[in-house]
Amino acid sequence: MALHARTAEQCYAGDADWVAIAELKEAVRTIPVLGNGDVWEAADALRMLAATGCDGVVIGRGCLGRPWLFADLAAAFATGTSRTPVRPFGFVAATMLRHAELLTLDYGEDGGLRLFRRHAAWYLHGYPVGSEVRRRAGMVSSLAELGAILGDLDPALTLPAGSLRLPRGHTEGPRPVHLPLGWLDLIDDPTPPEGAELLVSGG
């Protein structure tokens, strides 16, 4: 069982309430409980486990543009300690190209690069590359074009301090919550009203 420790009203704003994860773990003893919310670095995952007693973590926006976060987590869980390796932009650029190449294998070059465009913004997030580079990367249409854009950037670039914790992906919220008619009439009935799943699908 996984809990994203934000309220529906918060949406993606504010801080996740890890106390709620601890309370769920205390109440649920028969299956693993996973925590989700504000895990941006491997150190966050270790802190969540220590603070809540949860059995593992779920990664959401933290891995956008940073697929190597999972390797960092595996190392942290294996050793009980964490460190965030300094990854120069050359490493990031190589990962971007490989990501785009893999997408083209399934969707062709045009389709694959269309899908890759949103990822380009996440990979570049925090790097001092300038708005024009971000614009071009967000409109890239071929592997050659992507390679040329990345090839013009300094491979030794590194993220400024604190940039790993900049929110990525969804950032909207808070917002009012409107429950479907009858949602709270029978609070002990686990069957949601018809159509309720449309309000909560997609995380």
N, C-alpha and C. Protein backbone atom coordinates (compact mmCIF):
# COMPACT_ATOMS: atom_id res chain seq x y z
N MET A 1 0.84 -1.17 0.00
CA MET A 1 0.00 0.00 0.00
C MET A 1 0.89 1.24 0.00
N ALA A 2 0.59 2.17 -0.89
CA ALA A 2 1.40 3.38 -0.99
C ALA A 2 0.55 4.60 -0.63
N LEU A 3 1.17 5.55 0.04
CA LEU A 3 0.49 6.79 0.39
C LEU A 3 1.30 7.97 -0.08
N HIS A 4 0.67 8.79 -0.95
CA HIS A 4 1.25 10.08 -1.29
C HIS A 4 0.77 11.05 -0.23
N ALA A 5 1.69 11.53 0.59
CA ALA A 5 1.31 12.25 1.80
C ALA A 5 1.02 13.72 1.57
N ARG A 6 0.18 13.99 0.59
CA ARG A 6 -0.39 15.31 0.39
C ARG A 6 -1.90 15.15 0.30
N THR A 7 -2.62 16.18 0.68
CA THR A 7 -4.06 16.15 0.60
C THR A 7 -4.52 16.48 -0.82
N ALA A 8 -5.77 16.15 -1.11
CA ALA A 8 -6.33 16.50 -2.41
C ALA A 8 -6.35 18.02 -2.59
N GLU A 9 -6.58 18.75 -1.50
CA GLU A 9 -6.59 20.21 -1.58
C GLU A 9 -5.19 20.75 -1.89
N GLN A 10 -4.16 20.17 -1.27
CA GLN A 10 -2.78 20.60 -1.56
C GLN A 10 -2.44 20.41 -3.02
N CYS A 11 -2.93 19.33 -3.60
CA CYS A 11 -2.52 18.92 -4.94
C CYS A 11 -1.00 18.70 -4.91
N TYR A 12 -0.23 19.49 -5.65
CA TYR A 12 1.23 19.30 -5.66
C TYR A 12 1.97 20.41 -4.89
N ALA A 13 1.23 21.23 -4.17
CA ALA A 13 1.84 22.36 -3.46
C ALA A 13 2.25 21.95 -2.05
N GLY A 14 3.10 22.77 -1.45
CA GLY A 14 3.48 22.56 -0.07
C GLY A 14 4.33 21.32 0.14
N ASP A 15 4.50 20.96 1.40
CA ASP A 15 5.33 19.82 1.76
C ASP A 15 4.47 18.60 2.03
N ALA A 16 5.02 17.44 1.70
CA ALA A 16 4.33 16.18 2.04
C ALA A 16 4.37 15.99 3.55
N ASP A 17 3.28 15.44 4.09
CA ASP A 17 3.16 15.21 5.53
C ASP A 17 3.57 13.77 5.84
N TRP A 18 4.84 13.59 6.15
CA TRP A 18 5.33 12.24 6.40
C TRP A 18 4.73 11.62 7.65
N VAL A 19 4.18 12.44 8.55
CA VAL A 19 3.51 11.89 9.74
C VAL A 19 2.35 10.99 9.32
N ALA A 20 1.67 11.36 8.25
CA ALA A 20 0.57 10.53 7.75
C ALA A 20 1.06 9.15 7.32
N ILE A 21 2.25 9.10 6.75
CA ILE A 21 2.83 7.81 6.35
C ILE A 21 3.12 6.96 7.59
N ALA A 22 3.66 7.60 8.62
CA ALA A 22 3.94 6.89 9.86
C ALA A 22 2.65 6.35 10.48
N GLU A 23 1.59 7.13 10.43
CA GLU A 23 0.31 6.69 10.99
C GLU A 23 -0.26 5.52 10.20
N LEU A 24 -0.12 5.56 8.88
CA LEU A 24 -0.58 4.44 8.06
C LEU A 24 0.23 3.18 8.37
N LYS A 25 1.53 3.33 8.49
CA LYS A 25 2.39 2.18 8.80
C LYS A 25 2.01 1.58 10.15
N GLU A 26 1.68 2.42 11.11
CA GLU A 26 1.28 1.94 12.43
C GLU A 26 -0.03 1.16 12.35
N ALA A 27 -0.92 1.59 11.46
CA ALA A 27 -2.24 0.97 11.35
C ALA A 27 -2.25 -0.29 10.49
N VAL A 28 -1.35 -0.35 9.53
CA VAL A 28 -1.34 -1.46 8.58
C VAL A 28 -0.12 -2.34 8.86
N ARG A 29 -0.36 -3.56 9.30
CA ARG A 29 0.73 -4.44 9.72
C ARG A 29 0.88 -5.67 8.84
N THR A 30 -0.08 -5.93 7.96
CA THR A 30 -0.09 -7.20 7.23
C THR A 30 0.53 -7.12 5.84
N ILE A 31 0.68 -5.92 5.29
CA ILE A 31 1.28 -5.75 3.97
C ILE A 31 2.26 -4.59 4.03
N PRO A 32 3.21 -4.54 3.10
CA PRO A 32 4.17 -3.43 3.10
C PRO A 32 3.49 -2.08 2.86
N VAL A 33 4.00 -1.07 3.53
CA VAL A 33 3.53 0.30 3.35
C VAL A 33 4.65 1.12 2.73
N LEU A 34 4.35 1.78 1.63
CA LEU A 34 5.32 2.59 0.91
C LEU A 34 4.98 4.06 1.05
N GLY A 35 6.00 4.89 1.22
CA GLY A 35 5.80 6.32 1.34
C GLY A 35 6.12 7.04 0.04
N ASN A 36 5.40 8.13 -0.21
CA ASN A 36 5.61 8.92 -1.42
C ASN A 36 5.45 10.39 -1.06
N GLY A 37 6.33 11.21 -1.63
CA GLY A 37 6.22 12.66 -1.42
C GLY A 37 7.52 13.27 -0.97
N ASP A 38 8.07 14.16 -1.80
CA ASP A 38 9.29 14.91 -1.48
C ASP A 38 10.53 14.04 -1.38
N VAL A 39 10.61 13.01 -2.19
CA VAL A 39 11.85 12.24 -2.29
C VAL A 39 12.55 12.72 -3.56
N TRP A 40 13.47 13.67 -3.37
CA TRP A 40 14.21 14.26 -4.50
C TRP A 40 15.60 13.66 -4.63
N GLU A 41 16.15 13.17 -3.51
CA GLU A 41 17.49 12.59 -3.49
C GLU A 41 17.44 11.31 -2.64
N ALA A 42 18.48 10.48 -2.78
CA ALA A 42 18.52 9.25 -2.01
C ALA A 42 18.47 9.51 -0.52
N ALA A 43 19.09 10.60 -0.07
CA ALA A 43 19.06 10.94 1.35
C ALA A 43 17.64 11.14 1.85
N ASP A 44 16.76 11.67 0.99
CA ASP A 44 15.37 11.87 1.39
C ASP A 44 14.69 10.53 1.66
N ALA A 45 15.00 9.54 0.84
CA ALA A 45 14.40 8.22 1.03
C ALA A 45 14.82 7.61 2.36
N LEU A 46 16.09 7.74 2.70
CA LEU A 46 16.56 7.21 3.98
C LEU A 46 15.91 7.96 5.15
N ARG A 47 15.75 9.27 5.01
CA ARG A 47 15.10 10.05 6.06
C ARG A 47 13.64 9.63 6.21
N MET A 48 12.96 9.38 5.09
CA MET A 48 11.56 8.97 5.15
C MET A 48 11.42 7.63 5.87
N LEU A 49 12.29 6.67 5.53
CA LEU A 49 12.22 5.37 6.19
C LEU A 49 12.46 5.51 7.69
N ALA A 50 13.43 6.32 8.06
CA ALA A 50 13.74 6.51 9.48
C ALA A 50 12.61 7.23 10.21
N ALA A 51 11.99 8.20 9.56
CA ALA A 51 10.97 9.01 10.22
C ALA A 51 9.62 8.32 10.31
N THR A 52 9.32 7.43 9.36
CA THR A 52 7.97 6.86 9.28
C THR A 52 7.92 5.36 9.55
N GLY A 53 9.06 4.68 9.42
CA GLY A 53 9.05 3.22 9.55
C GLY A 53 8.49 2.52 8.34
N CYS A 54 8.25 3.24 7.24
CA CYS A 54 7.68 2.61 6.04
C CYS A 54 8.67 1.60 5.45
N ASP A 55 8.15 0.74 4.61
CA ASP A 55 8.94 -0.37 4.08
C ASP A 55 9.69 -0.03 2.79
N GLY A 56 9.34 1.05 2.18
CA GLY A 56 9.98 1.46 0.93
C GLY A 56 9.41 2.78 0.48
N VAL A 57 9.89 3.27 -0.64
CA VAL A 57 9.43 4.56 -1.14
C VAL A 57 8.93 4.43 -2.57
N VAL A 58 8.05 5.32 -2.92
CA VAL A 58 7.57 5.46 -4.29
C VAL A 58 8.14 6.76 -4.83
N ILE A 59 8.66 6.72 -6.04
CA ILE A 59 9.25 7.90 -6.65
C ILE A 59 8.30 8.45 -7.70
N GLY A 60 8.04 9.73 -7.62
CA GLY A 60 7.20 10.39 -8.61
C GLY A 60 8.02 11.40 -9.39
N ARG A 61 7.79 12.69 -9.11
CA ARG A 61 8.43 13.75 -9.89
C ARG A 61 9.94 13.79 -9.71
N GLY A 62 10.46 13.19 -8.63
CA GLY A 62 11.89 13.24 -8.37
C GLY A 62 12.76 12.63 -9.45
N CYS A 63 12.19 11.69 -10.23
CA CYS A 63 13.01 11.02 -11.25
C CYS A 63 12.87 11.66 -12.63
N LEU A 64 12.03 12.68 -12.75
CA LEU A 64 11.85 13.30 -14.06
C LEU A 64 13.14 13.99 -14.50
N GLY A 65 13.68 13.55 -15.60
CA GLY A 65 14.96 14.08 -16.06
C GLY A 65 16.14 13.58 -15.27
N ARG A 66 15.93 12.63 -14.38
CA ARG A 66 17.01 12.08 -13.55
C ARG A 66 16.79 10.58 -13.34
N PRO A 67 16.82 9.79 -14.37
CA PRO A 67 16.57 8.35 -14.20
C PRO A 67 17.61 7.65 -13.34
N TRP A 68 18.77 8.28 -13.18
CA TRP A 68 19.81 7.68 -12.33
C TRP A 68 19.46 7.76 -10.85
N LEU A 69 18.38 8.46 -10.48
CA LEU A 69 17.97 8.49 -9.08
C LEU A 69 17.75 7.08 -8.55
N PHE A 70 17.28 6.17 -9.38
CA PHE A 70 17.02 4.81 -8.92
C PHE A 70 18.32 4.09 -8.56
N ALA A 71 19.38 4.36 -9.29
CA ALA A 71 20.69 3.79 -8.94
C ALA A 71 21.17 4.37 -7.62
N ASP A 72 20.95 5.67 -7.41
CA ASP A 72 21.33 6.30 -6.15
C ASP A 72 20.56 5.67 -4.99
N LEU A 73 19.26 5.40 -5.21
CA LEU A 73 18.45 4.78 -4.17
C LEU A 73 18.91 3.37 -3.86
N ALA A 74 19.22 2.61 -4.90
CA ALA A 74 19.69 1.23 -4.68
C ALA A 74 20.97 1.23 -3.86
N ALA A 75 21.87 2.15 -4.16
CA ALA A 75 23.13 2.23 -3.41
C ALA A 75 22.87 2.65 -1.98
N ALA A 76 21.94 3.58 -1.78
CA ALA A 76 21.64 4.05 -0.43
C ALA A 76 21.01 2.95 0.41
N PHE A 77 20.09 2.20 -0.18
CA PHE A 77 19.44 1.11 0.56
C PHE A 77 20.42 -0.02 0.85
N ALA A 78 21.37 -0.24 -0.05
CA ALA A 78 22.34 -1.32 0.15
C ALA A 78 23.34 -1.00 1.24
N THR A 79 23.68 0.28 1.39
CA THR A 79 24.73 0.66 2.33
C THR A 79 24.21 1.35 3.59
N GLY A 80 22.98 1.86 3.52
CA GLY A 80 22.43 2.61 4.65
C GLY A 80 22.95 4.03 4.73
N THR A 81 23.74 4.43 3.77
CA THR A 81 24.23 5.81 3.70
C THR A 81 23.95 6.34 2.31
N SER A 82 23.99 7.65 2.18
CA SER A 82 23.69 8.22 0.87
C SER A 82 24.67 9.32 0.53
N ARG A 83 24.91 9.43 -0.73
CA ARG A 83 25.66 10.56 -1.26
C ARG A 83 25.12 10.82 -2.66
N THR A 84 25.14 12.05 -3.05
CA THR A 84 24.66 12.40 -4.39
C THR A 84 25.86 12.68 -5.27
N PRO A 85 26.18 11.75 -6.18
CA PRO A 85 27.34 11.98 -7.03
C PRO A 85 27.19 13.25 -7.85
N VAL A 86 28.30 13.93 -8.06
CA VAL A 86 28.28 15.10 -8.94
C VAL A 86 28.31 14.60 -10.37
N ARG A 87 27.27 14.90 -11.10
CA ARG A 87 27.18 14.44 -12.49
C ARG A 87 27.30 15.65 -13.40
N PRO A 88 28.42 15.78 -14.08
CA PRO A 88 28.57 16.91 -15.01
C PRO A 88 27.59 16.79 -16.16
N PHE A 89 27.38 17.89 -16.85
CA PHE A 89 26.38 17.90 -17.91
C PHE A 89 26.69 16.90 -19.02
N GLY A 90 27.95 16.57 -19.21
CA GLY A 90 28.28 15.58 -20.23
C GLY A 90 27.59 14.25 -19.98
N PHE A 91 27.49 13.85 -18.72
CA PHE A 91 26.78 12.63 -18.33
C PHE A 91 25.29 12.77 -18.64
N VAL A 92 24.73 13.93 -18.31
CA VAL A 92 23.32 14.17 -18.55
C VAL A 92 23.03 14.16 -20.05
N ALA A 93 23.88 14.80 -20.84
CA ALA A 93 23.69 14.84 -22.29
C ALA A 93 23.71 13.45 -22.90
N ALA A 94 24.64 12.62 -22.45
CA ALA A 94 24.71 11.24 -22.96
C ALA A 94 23.44 10.47 -22.61
N THR A 95 22.92 10.69 -21.41
CA THR A 95 21.68 10.04 -21.00
C THR A 95 20.51 10.53 -21.83
N MET A 96 20.47 11.82 -22.10
CA MET A 96 19.40 12.38 -22.93
C MET A 96 19.39 11.75 -24.31
N LEU A 97 20.57 11.64 -24.91
CA LEU A 97 20.65 11.05 -26.25
C LEU A 97 20.21 9.59 -26.24
N ARG A 98 20.64 8.85 -25.23
CA ARG A 98 20.26 7.44 -25.14
C ARG A 98 18.76 7.30 -24.94
N HIS A 99 18.19 8.16 -24.11
CA HIS A 99 16.74 8.16 -23.88
C HIS A 99 16.00 8.39 -25.20
N ALA A 100 16.43 9.40 -25.92
CA ALA A 100 15.78 9.71 -27.20
C ALA A 100 15.94 8.57 -28.19
N GLU A 101 17.12 7.97 -28.23
CA GLU A 101 17.35 6.83 -29.14
C GLU A 101 16.41 5.67 -28.83
N LEU A 102 16.23 5.38 -27.55
CA LEU A 102 15.35 4.28 -27.17
C LEU A 102 13.90 4.57 -27.55
N LEU A 103 13.48 5.81 -27.41
CA LEU A 103 12.12 6.17 -27.82
C LEU A 103 11.93 6.00 -29.32
N THR A 104 12.96 6.33 -30.10
CA THR A 104 12.82 6.20 -31.56
C THR A 104 12.72 4.74 -31.98
N LEU A 105 13.28 3.84 -31.20
CA LEU A 105 13.17 2.41 -31.54
C LEU A 105 11.73 1.95 -31.51
N ASP A 106 10.95 2.50 -30.61
CA ASP A 106 9.55 2.09 -30.49
C ASP A 106 8.60 2.95 -31.32
N TYR A 107 8.92 4.24 -31.48
CA TYR A 107 7.96 5.17 -32.08
C TYR A 107 8.44 5.81 -33.38
N GLY A 108 9.62 5.42 -33.86
CA GLY A 108 10.19 6.08 -35.01
C GLY A 108 10.81 7.41 -34.59
N GLU A 109 11.60 8.00 -35.48
CA GLU A 109 12.31 9.21 -35.08
C GLU A 109 11.36 10.37 -34.80
N ASP A 110 10.38 10.57 -35.67
CA ASP A 110 9.47 11.69 -35.46
C ASP A 110 8.66 11.50 -34.18
N GLY A 111 8.03 10.34 -34.02
CA GLY A 111 7.22 10.09 -32.83
C GLY A 111 8.05 10.06 -31.56
N GLY A 112 9.22 9.45 -31.64
CA GLY A 112 10.08 9.35 -30.46
C GLY A 112 10.54 10.70 -29.97
N LEU A 113 10.92 11.58 -30.91
CA LEU A 113 11.38 12.92 -30.50
C LEU A 113 10.23 13.78 -30.01
N ARG A 114 9.03 13.57 -30.53
CA ARG A 114 7.88 14.30 -30.00
C ARG A 114 7.66 13.92 -28.52
N LEU A 115 7.78 12.63 -28.23
CA LEU A 115 7.64 12.19 -26.84
C LEU A 115 8.77 12.68 -25.96
N PHE A 116 9.95 12.81 -26.55
CA PHE A 116 11.12 13.20 -25.77
C PHE A 116 11.10 14.66 -25.35
N ARG A 117 10.40 15.51 -26.07
CA ARG A 117 10.48 16.96 -25.86
C ARG A 117 10.21 17.35 -24.42
N ARG A 118 9.20 16.76 -23.80
CA ARG A 118 8.89 17.14 -22.42
C ARG A 118 10.01 16.71 -21.48
N HIS A 119 10.66 15.59 -21.80
CA HIS A 119 11.76 15.12 -20.97
C HIS A 119 12.97 16.05 -21.08
N ALA A 120 13.15 16.64 -22.23
CA ALA A 120 14.29 17.55 -22.43
C ALA A 120 14.26 18.67 -21.39
N ALA A 121 13.09 19.24 -21.15
CA ALA A 121 12.97 20.32 -20.17
C ALA A 121 13.33 19.82 -18.77
N TRP A 122 12.94 18.60 -18.44
CA TRP A 122 13.25 18.06 -17.11
C TRP A 122 14.74 17.78 -16.96
N TYR A 123 15.37 17.25 -18.01
CA TYR A 123 16.81 17.01 -17.94
C TYR A 123 17.59 18.31 -17.76
N LEU A 124 17.15 19.37 -18.43
CA LEU A 124 17.88 20.65 -18.39
C LEU A 124 17.56 21.46 -17.15
N HIS A 125 16.56 21.05 -16.41
CA HIS A 125 16.08 21.80 -15.24
C HIS A 125 17.23 22.11 -14.27
N GLY A 126 17.44 23.39 -14.02
CA GLY A 126 18.47 23.81 -13.07
C GLY A 126 19.81 24.13 -13.68
N TYR A 127 20.09 23.61 -14.87
CA TYR A 127 21.38 23.89 -15.51
C TYR A 127 21.36 25.28 -16.15
N PRO A 128 22.43 26.02 -16.03
CA PRO A 128 22.47 27.38 -16.60
C PRO A 128 22.76 27.35 -18.11
N VAL A 129 21.78 26.89 -18.88
CA VAL A 129 21.99 26.73 -20.33
C VAL A 129 21.29 27.82 -21.14
N GLY A 130 20.41 28.59 -20.52
CA GLY A 130 19.76 29.68 -21.24
C GLY A 130 18.42 29.28 -21.84
N SER A 131 17.58 30.28 -22.01
CA SER A 131 16.21 30.04 -22.49
C SER A 131 16.17 29.58 -23.94
N GLU A 132 17.12 30.04 -24.76
CA GLU A 132 17.10 29.64 -26.16
C GLU A 132 17.39 28.15 -26.32
N VAL A 133 18.32 27.64 -25.54
CA VAL A 133 18.61 26.20 -25.58
C VAL A 133 17.38 25.41 -25.14
N ARG A 134 16.72 25.88 -24.09
CA ARG A 134 15.52 25.19 -23.61
C ARG A 134 14.43 25.20 -24.68
N ARG A 135 14.29 26.33 -25.36
CA ARG A 135 13.29 26.43 -26.42
C ARG A 135 13.59 25.46 -27.54
N ARG A 136 14.84 25.43 -27.99
CA ARG A 136 15.22 24.54 -29.09
C ARG A 136 15.05 23.07 -28.70
N ALA A 137 15.45 22.75 -27.48
CA ALA A 137 15.32 21.37 -27.03
C ALA A 137 13.86 20.95 -26.93
N GLY A 138 12.99 21.90 -26.60
CA GLY A 138 11.57 21.61 -26.49
C GLY A 138 10.88 21.49 -27.83
N MET A 139 11.58 21.76 -28.92
CA MET A 139 11.02 21.64 -30.26
C MET A 139 11.81 20.68 -31.13
N VAL A 140 12.74 19.94 -30.54
CA VAL A 140 13.64 19.08 -31.30
C VAL A 140 12.87 18.05 -32.10
N SER A 141 13.34 17.76 -33.33
CA SER A 141 12.60 16.85 -34.20
C SER A 141 13.45 15.72 -34.76
N SER A 142 14.75 15.67 -34.42
CA SER A 142 15.59 14.58 -34.91
C SER A 142 16.72 14.33 -33.92
N LEU A 143 17.27 13.14 -33.98
CA LEU A 143 18.41 12.80 -33.12
C LEU A 143 19.61 13.67 -33.46
N ALA A 144 19.80 13.95 -34.74
CA ALA A 144 20.93 14.79 -35.15
C ALA A 144 20.79 16.19 -34.57
N GLU A 145 19.58 16.72 -34.60
CA GLU A 145 19.35 18.06 -34.05
C GLU A 145 19.60 18.07 -32.54
N LEU A 146 19.12 17.04 -31.86
CA LEU A 146 19.34 16.95 -30.42
C LEU A 146 20.83 16.87 -30.12
N GLY A 147 21.55 16.06 -30.89
CA GLY A 147 22.99 15.93 -30.70
C GLY A 147 23.71 17.26 -30.90
N ALA A 148 23.26 18.03 -31.88
CA ALA A 148 23.89 19.33 -32.15
C ALA A 148 23.63 20.31 -31.02
N ILE A 149 22.41 20.33 -30.50
CA ILE A 149 22.08 21.23 -29.39
C ILE A 149 22.94 20.90 -28.18
N LEU A 150 23.01 19.62 -27.85
CA LEU A 150 23.76 19.21 -26.66
C LEU A 150 25.26 19.37 -26.87
N GLY A 151 25.71 19.19 -28.11
CA GLY A 151 27.13 19.30 -28.40
C GLY A 151 27.67 20.71 -28.25
N ASP A 152 26.78 21.70 -28.30
CA ASP A 152 27.20 23.09 -28.15
C ASP A 152 27.34 23.51 -26.68
N LEU A 153 26.93 22.63 -25.77
CA LEU A 153 26.95 22.97 -24.35
C LEU A 153 28.20 22.44 -23.67
N ASP A 154 28.63 23.10 -22.64
CA ASP A 154 29.83 22.72 -21.90
C ASP A 154 29.57 21.43 -21.12
N PRO A 155 30.27 20.34 -21.43
CA PRO A 155 30.03 19.08 -20.72
C PRO A 155 30.44 19.13 -19.26
N ALA A 156 31.20 20.13 -18.86
CA ALA A 156 31.65 20.25 -17.47
C ALA A 156 30.66 21.02 -16.60
N LEU A 157 29.56 21.54 -17.19
CA LEU A 157 28.56 22.26 -16.40
C LEU A 157 28.06 21.40 -15.25
N THR A 158 27.85 22.01 -14.09
CA THR A 158 27.25 21.30 -12.98
C THR A 158 26.07 22.10 -12.44
N LEU A 159 25.22 21.43 -11.69
CA LEU A 159 24.06 22.09 -11.12
C LEU A 159 24.46 23.02 -9.98
N PRO A 160 23.88 24.21 -9.91
CA PRO A 160 24.09 25.06 -8.74
C PRO A 160 23.58 24.37 -7.48
N ALA A 161 24.11 24.73 -6.33
CA ALA A 161 23.69 24.14 -5.07
C ALA A 161 22.19 24.30 -4.88
N GLY A 162 21.55 23.22 -4.44
CA GLY A 162 20.12 23.24 -4.17
C GLY A 162 19.23 22.96 -5.36
N SER A 163 19.82 22.86 -6.56
CA SER A 163 19.00 22.69 -7.76
C SER A 163 18.32 21.33 -7.82
N LEU A 164 18.88 20.32 -7.17
CA LEU A 164 18.25 19.00 -7.19
C LEU A 164 16.87 19.03 -6.53
N ARG A 165 16.65 20.00 -5.67
CA ARG A 165 15.41 20.05 -4.92
C ARG A 165 14.37 20.97 -5.56
N LEU A 166 14.70 21.54 -6.73
CA LEU A 166 13.73 22.37 -7.42
C LEU A 166 12.59 21.48 -7.92
N PRO A 167 11.33 21.84 -7.64
CA PRO A 167 10.20 21.03 -8.11
C PRO A 167 10.23 20.88 -9.62
N ARG A 168 9.86 19.72 -10.07
CA ARG A 168 9.76 19.44 -11.50
C ARG A 168 8.45 18.72 -11.75
N GLY A 169 7.99 18.75 -12.95
CA GLY A 169 6.69 18.14 -13.22
C GLY A 169 5.58 19.02 -12.70
N HIS A 170 4.51 18.40 -12.22
CA HIS A 170 3.35 19.14 -11.74
C HIS A 170 3.73 20.03 -10.55
N THR A 171 3.23 21.24 -10.54
CA THR A 171 3.46 22.16 -9.41
C THR A 171 2.18 22.86 -8.98
N GLU A 172 1.04 22.52 -9.59
CA GLU A 172 -0.18 23.27 -9.30
C GLU A 172 -0.71 22.96 -7.89
N GLY A 173 -1.48 23.87 -7.39
CA GLY A 173 -2.09 23.74 -6.07
C GLY A 173 -1.74 24.94 -5.20
N PRO A 174 -2.43 25.08 -4.06
CA PRO A 174 -3.59 24.28 -3.67
C PRO A 174 -4.82 24.63 -4.51
N ARG A 175 -5.85 23.78 -4.38
CA ARG A 175 -7.08 24.04 -5.10
C ARG A 175 -8.25 23.45 -4.29
N PRO A 176 -9.42 24.06 -4.45
CA PRO A 176 -10.58 23.57 -3.70
C PRO A 176 -10.93 22.14 -4.11
N VAL A 177 -11.46 21.40 -3.16
CA VAL A 177 -11.87 20.02 -3.42
C VAL A 177 -13.39 19.97 -3.50
N HIS A 178 -13.89 19.39 -4.57
CA HIS A 178 -15.33 19.24 -4.76
C HIS A 178 -15.62 17.75 -4.87
N LEU A 179 -16.29 17.20 -3.86
CA LEU A 179 -16.60 15.78 -3.86
C LEU A 179 -17.86 15.50 -4.67
N PRO A 180 -17.92 14.34 -5.32
CA PRO A 180 -19.14 13.98 -6.05
C PRO A 180 -20.34 13.90 -5.10
N LEU A 181 -21.51 14.15 -5.63
CA LEU A 181 -22.74 14.09 -4.85
C LEU A 181 -22.86 12.72 -4.18
N GLY A 182 -23.04 12.73 -2.86
CA GLY A 182 -23.22 11.47 -2.14
C GLY A 182 -21.95 10.84 -1.64
N TRP A 183 -20.79 11.44 -1.90
CA TRP A 183 -19.51 10.83 -1.53
C TRP A 183 -19.44 10.52 -0.03
N LEU A 184 -19.93 11.43 0.80
CA LEU A 184 -19.81 11.27 2.25
C LEU A 184 -21.08 10.73 2.92
N ASP A 185 -22.08 10.36 2.13
CA ASP A 185 -23.33 9.88 2.72
C ASP A 185 -23.13 8.56 3.47
N LEU A 186 -22.33 7.70 2.90
CA LEU A 186 -22.08 6.39 3.50
C LEU A 186 -20.58 6.22 3.66
N ILE A 187 -20.03 6.79 4.73
CA ILE A 187 -18.57 6.80 4.86
C ILE A 187 -17.99 5.41 5.12
N ASP A 188 -18.82 4.46 5.53
CA ASP A 188 -18.33 3.10 5.75
C ASP A 188 -18.45 2.22 4.52
N ASP A 189 -19.04 2.74 3.46
CA ASP A 189 -19.20 1.98 2.22
C ASP A 189 -17.99 2.23 1.33
N PRO A 190 -17.19 1.20 1.04
CA PRO A 190 -15.97 1.41 0.25
C PRO A 190 -16.21 1.63 -1.24
N THR A 191 -17.45 1.54 -1.68
CA THR A 191 -17.75 1.70 -3.11
C THR A 191 -17.87 3.18 -3.45
N PRO A 192 -16.99 3.70 -4.31
CA PRO A 192 -17.09 5.13 -4.65
C PRO A 192 -18.29 5.40 -5.55
N PRO A 193 -18.80 6.61 -5.50
CA PRO A 193 -19.89 6.97 -6.41
C PRO A 193 -19.46 6.83 -7.86
N GLU A 194 -20.43 6.63 -8.71
CA GLU A 194 -20.14 6.46 -10.14
C GLU A 194 -19.40 7.68 -10.69
N GLY A 195 -18.31 7.42 -11.41
CA GLY A 195 -17.54 8.50 -12.01
C GLY A 195 -16.49 9.10 -11.12
N ALA A 196 -16.40 8.67 -9.86
CA ALA A 196 -15.46 9.27 -8.92
C ALA A 196 -14.02 9.03 -9.33
N GLU A 197 -13.76 7.91 -10.02
CA GLU A 197 -12.38 7.60 -10.38
C GLU A 197 -11.79 8.64 -11.32
N LEU A 198 -12.64 9.37 -12.02
CA LEU A 198 -12.14 10.39 -12.95
C LEU A 198 -11.50 11.55 -12.21
N LEU A 199 -11.89 11.74 -10.95
CA LEU A 199 -11.36 12.85 -10.17
C LEU A 199 -9.97 12.57 -9.60
N VAL A 200 -9.63 11.30 -9.49
CA VAL A 200 -8.38 10.95 -8.81
C VAL A 200 -7.42 10.15 -9.68
N SER A 201 -7.78 9.91 -10.93
CA SER A 201 -6.89 9.14 -11.79
C SER A 201 -5.67 9.96 -12.16
N GLY A 202 -4.56 9.29 -12.36
CA GLY A 202 -3.34 9.97 -12.78
C GLY A 202 -2.52 10.54 -11.64
N GLY A 203 -2.82 10.16 -10.40
CA GLY A 203 -2.02 10.59 -9.26
C GLY A 203 -2.29 11.99 -8.81
